[in-house]
Amino acid sequence: MPYYLGYTPSNRREIFHLSQRPTRENTDGRYKRCRGPLTLIGVHYLQYREENGHLELPKMTGAQLEARALADQDTYWQDILAAISDPDECNINALEAAEYNPDFAPVS
């Protein structure tokens, strides 16, 4: 099933999957726009890059995005990739997994 990166009206990014192309009707108007279809790794990579201020990527297919994600040597991304690829093997707690999402960052 393809994955999509949806943008809510408040500009928050959410990963979701649907068996068909998302529209306002089949997502109940939750998203103002969506990017996809992508693979699971590709959609997480896109979300990671956008939420951490990386330069916007050129237009590419889902397979190209996944290949770029697998080749990226950013150490923090590699930790996230390990958690996505093998969640049973990687013992990462929820706080560390959500750390790259600013909506869940602790306020100091």
N, C-alpha and C. Protein backbone atom coordinates (compact mmCIF):
# COMPACT_ATOMS: atom_id res chain seq x y z
N MET A 1 0.85 -1.17 0.00
CA MET A 1 0.00 0.00 0.00
C MET A 1 0.90 1.24 0.00
N PRO A 2 0.63 2.21 -0.86
CA PRO A 2 1.49 3.39 -0.93
C PRO A 2 1.29 4.33 0.27
N TYR A 3 2.36 5.01 0.61
CA TYR A 3 2.34 5.97 1.72
C TYR A 3 2.35 7.39 1.15
N TYR A 4 1.79 8.31 1.92
CA TYR A 4 1.71 9.71 1.52
C TYR A 4 2.13 10.59 2.69
N LEU A 5 2.64 11.78 2.38
CA LEU A 5 2.95 12.78 3.38
C LEU A 5 1.90 13.86 3.23
N GLY A 6 1.02 13.98 4.22
CA GLY A 6 -0.06 14.96 4.17
C GLY A 6 0.28 16.19 4.98
N TYR A 7 -0.17 17.33 4.51
CA TYR A 7 0.05 18.62 5.18
C TYR A 7 -1.29 19.11 5.69
N THR A 8 -1.43 19.26 7.00
CA THR A 8 -2.67 19.74 7.59
C THR A 8 -2.78 21.25 7.38
N PRO A 9 -3.95 21.83 7.62
CA PRO A 9 -4.08 23.29 7.48
C PRO A 9 -3.11 24.08 8.37
N SER A 10 -2.68 23.50 9.48
CA SER A 10 -1.70 24.18 10.34
C SER A 10 -0.27 23.91 9.89
N ASN A 11 -0.11 23.25 8.75
CA ASN A 11 1.18 22.92 8.13
C ASN A 11 1.94 21.81 8.84
N ARG A 12 1.27 21.05 9.65
CA ARG A 12 1.88 19.89 10.29
C ARG A 12 1.93 18.76 9.26
N ARG A 13 2.99 17.98 9.29
CA ARG A 13 3.16 16.88 8.35
C ARG A 13 2.79 15.56 9.01
N GLU A 14 1.98 14.76 8.32
CA GLU A 14 1.57 13.46 8.84
C GLU A 14 1.74 12.40 7.77
N ILE A 15 2.23 11.25 8.17
CA ILE A 15 2.40 10.12 7.27
C ILE A 15 1.15 9.25 7.36
N PHE A 16 0.59 8.90 6.21
CA PHE A 16 -0.58 8.01 6.19
C PHE A 16 -0.51 7.15 4.93
N HIS A 17 -1.34 6.12 4.88
CA HIS A 17 -1.39 5.29 3.67
C HIS A 17 -2.83 5.03 3.28
N LEU A 18 -3.03 4.99 2.00
CA LEU A 18 -4.34 4.72 1.41
C LEU A 18 -4.14 3.80 0.20
N SER A 19 -5.17 3.04 -0.12
CA SER A 19 -5.08 2.17 -1.28
C SER A 19 -5.35 2.94 -2.57
N GLN A 20 -5.90 4.15 -2.46
CA GLN A 20 -6.18 4.98 -3.63
C GLN A 20 -5.57 6.36 -3.46
N ARG A 21 -5.57 7.13 -4.52
CA ARG A 21 -5.02 8.49 -4.48
C ARG A 21 -5.81 9.34 -3.49
N PRO A 22 -5.16 10.05 -2.55
CA PRO A 22 -5.90 10.84 -1.57
C PRO A 22 -6.61 12.04 -2.20
N THR A 23 -7.83 12.28 -1.74
CA THR A 23 -8.61 13.45 -2.14
C THR A 23 -9.20 14.05 -0.86
N ARG A 24 -9.78 15.21 -0.98
CA ARG A 24 -10.43 15.82 0.19
C ARG A 24 -11.56 14.93 0.71
N GLU A 25 -12.24 14.23 -0.19
CA GLU A 25 -13.37 13.38 0.21
C GLU A 25 -12.90 12.15 0.98
N ASN A 26 -11.89 11.43 0.48
CA ASN A 26 -11.50 10.19 1.16
C ASN A 26 -10.54 10.42 2.33
N THR A 27 -10.13 11.66 2.57
CA THR A 27 -9.35 11.98 3.79
C THR A 27 -10.14 12.90 4.71
N ASP A 28 -11.42 13.08 4.42
CA ASP A 28 -12.31 13.94 5.22
C ASP A 28 -11.79 15.36 5.34
N GLY A 29 -11.10 15.85 4.33
CA GLY A 29 -10.60 17.23 4.34
C GLY A 29 -9.50 17.48 5.34
N ARG A 30 -8.88 16.42 5.85
CA ARG A 30 -7.84 16.56 6.88
C ARG A 30 -6.58 17.24 6.35
N TYR A 31 -6.28 17.04 5.07
CA TYR A 31 -5.03 17.55 4.50
C TYR A 31 -5.31 18.59 3.42
N LYS A 32 -4.52 19.65 3.43
CA LYS A 32 -4.68 20.66 2.38
C LYS A 32 -3.90 20.25 1.12
N ARG A 33 -2.86 19.42 1.29
CA ARG A 33 -2.13 18.86 0.15
C ARG A 33 -1.39 17.62 0.61
N CYS A 34 -1.00 16.80 -0.36
CA CYS A 34 -0.30 15.54 -0.06
C CYS A 34 0.82 15.34 -1.07
N ARG A 35 1.85 14.61 -0.64
CA ARG A 35 2.93 14.20 -1.54
C ARG A 35 3.00 12.68 -1.53
N GLY A 36 3.11 12.11 -2.69
CA GLY A 36 3.18 10.67 -2.80
C GLY A 36 2.64 10.23 -4.13
N PRO A 37 2.53 8.96 -4.38
CA PRO A 37 2.78 7.82 -3.50
C PRO A 37 4.27 7.56 -3.31
N LEU A 38 4.62 7.13 -2.10
CA LEU A 38 6.01 6.87 -1.74
C LEU A 38 6.11 5.55 -0.99
N THR A 39 7.34 5.08 -0.84
CA THR A 39 7.58 3.90 0.00
C THR A 39 7.65 4.37 1.45
N LEU A 40 7.63 3.45 2.38
CA LEU A 40 7.69 3.80 3.80
C LEU A 40 8.98 4.56 4.11
N ILE A 41 10.11 4.08 3.60
CA ILE A 41 11.39 4.75 3.85
C ILE A 41 11.41 6.12 3.18
N GLY A 42 10.90 6.20 1.96
CA GLY A 42 10.88 7.46 1.24
C GLY A 42 10.06 8.53 1.93
N VAL A 43 8.89 8.16 2.44
CA VAL A 43 8.03 9.15 3.09
C VAL A 43 8.64 9.63 4.41
N HIS A 44 9.28 8.73 5.16
CA HIS A 44 9.94 9.15 6.40
C HIS A 44 11.14 10.05 6.10
N TYR A 45 11.86 9.75 5.03
CA TYR A 45 13.02 10.57 4.65
C TYR A 45 12.56 11.96 4.25
N LEU A 46 11.51 12.04 3.47
CA LEU A 46 10.98 13.34 3.06
C LEU A 46 10.54 14.15 4.27
N GLN A 47 9.84 13.52 5.21
CA GLN A 47 9.40 14.21 6.42
C GLN A 47 10.60 14.67 7.24
N TYR A 48 11.59 13.80 7.40
CA TYR A 48 12.79 14.14 8.16
C TYR A 48 13.48 15.37 7.56
N ARG A 49 13.67 15.37 6.25
CA ARG A 49 14.37 16.49 5.59
C ARG A 49 13.59 17.80 5.74
N GLU A 50 12.29 17.75 5.52
CA GLU A 50 11.49 18.96 5.60
C GLU A 50 11.44 19.52 7.01
N GLU A 51 11.33 18.65 8.01
CA GLU A 51 11.21 19.12 9.38
C GLU A 51 12.54 19.56 9.99
N ASN A 52 13.64 19.26 9.32
CA ASN A 52 14.94 19.65 9.84
C ASN A 52 15.64 20.70 8.99
N GLY A 53 14.88 21.37 8.13
CA GLY A 53 15.40 22.52 7.40
C GLY A 53 16.37 22.22 6.28
N HIS A 54 16.38 21.00 5.75
CA HIS A 54 17.24 20.69 4.62
C HIS A 54 16.69 21.34 3.36
N LEU A 55 17.54 21.55 2.38
CA LEU A 55 17.10 22.12 1.11
C LEU A 55 16.08 21.20 0.46
N GLU A 56 15.14 21.79 -0.27
CA GLU A 56 14.11 21.00 -0.94
C GLU A 56 14.73 20.13 -2.02
N LEU A 57 14.28 18.91 -2.08
CA LEU A 57 14.77 17.97 -3.09
C LEU A 57 14.12 18.25 -4.44
N PRO A 58 14.82 17.98 -5.52
CA PRO A 58 14.19 18.11 -6.84
C PRO A 58 13.10 17.05 -7.00
N LYS A 59 12.23 17.23 -7.97
CA LYS A 59 11.18 16.24 -8.23
C LYS A 59 11.82 14.90 -8.57
N MET A 60 11.34 13.85 -7.92
CA MET A 60 11.84 12.50 -8.18
C MET A 60 10.76 11.49 -7.86
N THR A 61 10.93 10.30 -8.39
CA THR A 61 9.96 9.23 -8.15
C THR A 61 10.17 8.66 -6.75
N GLY A 62 9.21 7.85 -6.32
CA GLY A 62 9.33 7.21 -5.01
C GLY A 62 10.55 6.32 -4.90
N ALA A 63 10.85 5.60 -5.98
CA ALA A 63 12.03 4.71 -5.99
C ALA A 63 13.33 5.52 -5.92
N GLN A 64 13.37 6.65 -6.63
CA GLN A 64 14.57 7.51 -6.58
C GLN A 64 14.75 8.10 -5.18
N LEU A 65 13.63 8.49 -4.56
CA LEU A 65 13.70 9.06 -3.22
C LEU A 65 14.19 8.01 -2.22
N GLU A 66 13.71 6.79 -2.35
CA GLU A 66 14.15 5.73 -1.44
C GLU A 66 15.64 5.43 -1.64
N ALA A 67 16.10 5.41 -2.88
CA ALA A 67 17.52 5.18 -3.14
C ALA A 67 18.37 6.29 -2.52
N ARG A 68 17.91 7.52 -2.62
CA ARG A 68 18.64 8.64 -2.02
C ARG A 68 18.63 8.52 -0.49
N ALA A 69 17.51 8.10 0.07
CA ALA A 69 17.42 7.92 1.52
C ALA A 69 18.39 6.86 2.01
N LEU A 70 18.48 5.76 1.29
CA LEU A 70 19.38 4.68 1.69
C LEU A 70 20.85 5.07 1.55
N ALA A 71 21.15 6.01 0.65
CA ALA A 71 22.54 6.45 0.44
C ALA A 71 22.94 7.59 1.36
N ASP A 72 21.98 8.26 1.99
CA ASP A 72 22.29 9.41 2.85
C ASP A 72 23.04 8.94 4.10
N GLN A 73 24.19 9.54 4.36
CA GLN A 73 25.03 9.11 5.48
C GLN A 73 24.85 9.95 6.74
N ASP A 74 23.87 10.85 6.76
CA ASP A 74 23.57 11.64 7.96
C ASP A 74 23.35 10.68 9.13
N THR A 75 24.09 10.83 10.21
CA THR A 75 24.05 9.85 11.30
C THR A 75 22.68 9.81 11.98
N TYR A 76 22.04 10.96 12.13
CA TYR A 76 20.73 10.95 12.77
C TYR A 76 19.72 10.25 11.88
N TRP A 77 19.80 10.50 10.57
CA TRP A 77 18.91 9.81 9.64
C TRP A 77 19.16 8.31 9.67
N GLN A 78 20.40 7.90 9.77
CA GLN A 78 20.72 6.47 9.82
C GLN A 78 20.09 5.81 11.05
N ASP A 79 20.03 6.53 12.18
CA ASP A 79 19.35 5.99 13.37
C ASP A 79 17.86 5.80 13.11
N ILE A 80 17.25 6.79 12.47
CA ILE A 80 15.82 6.70 12.15
C ILE A 80 15.59 5.55 11.17
N LEU A 81 16.45 5.45 10.17
CA LEU A 81 16.34 4.39 9.17
C LEU A 81 16.44 3.01 9.83
N ALA A 82 17.33 2.87 10.78
CA ALA A 82 17.46 1.59 11.48
C ALA A 82 16.18 1.24 12.23
N ALA A 83 15.55 2.24 12.84
CA ALA A 83 14.30 2.01 13.57
C ALA A 83 13.16 1.65 12.63
N ILE A 84 13.14 2.27 11.44
CA ILE A 84 12.09 1.97 10.46
C ILE A 84 12.31 0.59 9.85
N SER A 85 13.54 0.27 9.49
CA SER A 85 13.86 -0.96 8.78
C SER A 85 13.68 -2.21 9.62
N ASP A 86 14.04 -2.14 10.88
CA ASP A 86 13.95 -3.33 11.74
C ASP A 86 13.58 -2.91 13.16
N PRO A 87 12.31 -2.61 13.40
CA PRO A 87 11.91 -2.12 14.71
C PRO A 87 12.13 -3.11 15.85
N ASP A 88 12.09 -4.42 15.55
CA ASP A 88 12.32 -5.41 16.60
C ASP A 88 13.78 -5.45 17.04
N GLU A 89 14.68 -5.27 16.08
CA GLU A 89 16.11 -5.33 16.35
C GLU A 89 16.60 -4.05 17.03
N CYS A 90 16.02 -2.95 16.65
CA CYS A 90 16.47 -1.65 17.15
C CYS A 90 15.68 -1.29 18.41
N ASN A 91 16.34 -1.18 19.53
CA ASN A 91 15.69 -0.86 20.79
C ASN A 91 15.71 0.64 21.00
N ILE A 92 14.77 1.36 20.37
CA ILE A 92 14.72 2.82 20.45
C ILE A 92 13.40 3.19 21.13
N ASN A 93 13.45 4.08 22.10
CA ASN A 93 12.22 4.42 22.81
C ASN A 93 11.43 5.49 22.06
N ALA A 94 10.21 5.70 22.46
CA ALA A 94 9.30 6.59 21.74
C ALA A 94 9.81 8.04 21.72
N LEU A 95 10.45 8.49 22.79
CA LEU A 95 10.96 9.85 22.81
C LEU A 95 12.03 10.06 21.75
N GLU A 96 12.95 9.10 21.61
CA GLU A 96 13.99 9.20 20.59
C GLU A 96 13.39 9.12 19.19
N ALA A 97 12.40 8.27 19.00
CA ALA A 97 11.80 8.12 17.67
C ALA A 97 11.05 9.37 17.26
N ALA A 98 10.44 10.07 18.22
CA ALA A 98 9.67 11.27 17.91
C ALA A 98 10.51 12.54 17.96
N GLU A 99 11.78 12.42 18.30
CA GLU A 99 12.64 13.58 18.51
C GLU A 99 12.77 14.45 17.25
N TYR A 100 12.74 13.84 16.06
CA TYR A 100 12.90 14.63 14.85
C TYR A 100 11.64 15.39 14.47
N ASN A 101 10.52 15.11 15.17
CA ASN A 101 9.27 15.82 14.93
C ASN A 101 9.14 16.95 15.94
N PRO A 102 9.20 18.21 15.50
CA PRO A 102 9.18 19.33 16.44
C PRO A 102 7.88 19.43 17.23
N ASP A 103 6.79 18.82 16.77
CA ASP A 103 5.54 18.86 17.52
C ASP A 103 5.65 18.10 18.84
N PHE A 104 6.60 17.17 18.93
CA PHE A 104 6.75 16.36 20.13
C PHE A 104 8.01 16.72 20.92
N ALA A 105 8.72 17.74 20.49
CA ALA A 105 9.96 18.13 21.17
C ALA A 105 9.63 18.72 22.54
N PRO A 106 10.41 18.37 23.57
CA PRO A 106 10.17 18.96 24.89
C PRO A 106 10.44 20.47 24.87
N VAL A 107 9.57 21.18 25.55
CA VAL A 107 9.71 22.63 25.63
C VAL A 107 10.57 22.96 26.82
N SER A 108 11.62 23.78 26.61
CA SER A 108 12.48 24.12 27.75
C SER A 108 12.36 25.58 28.09
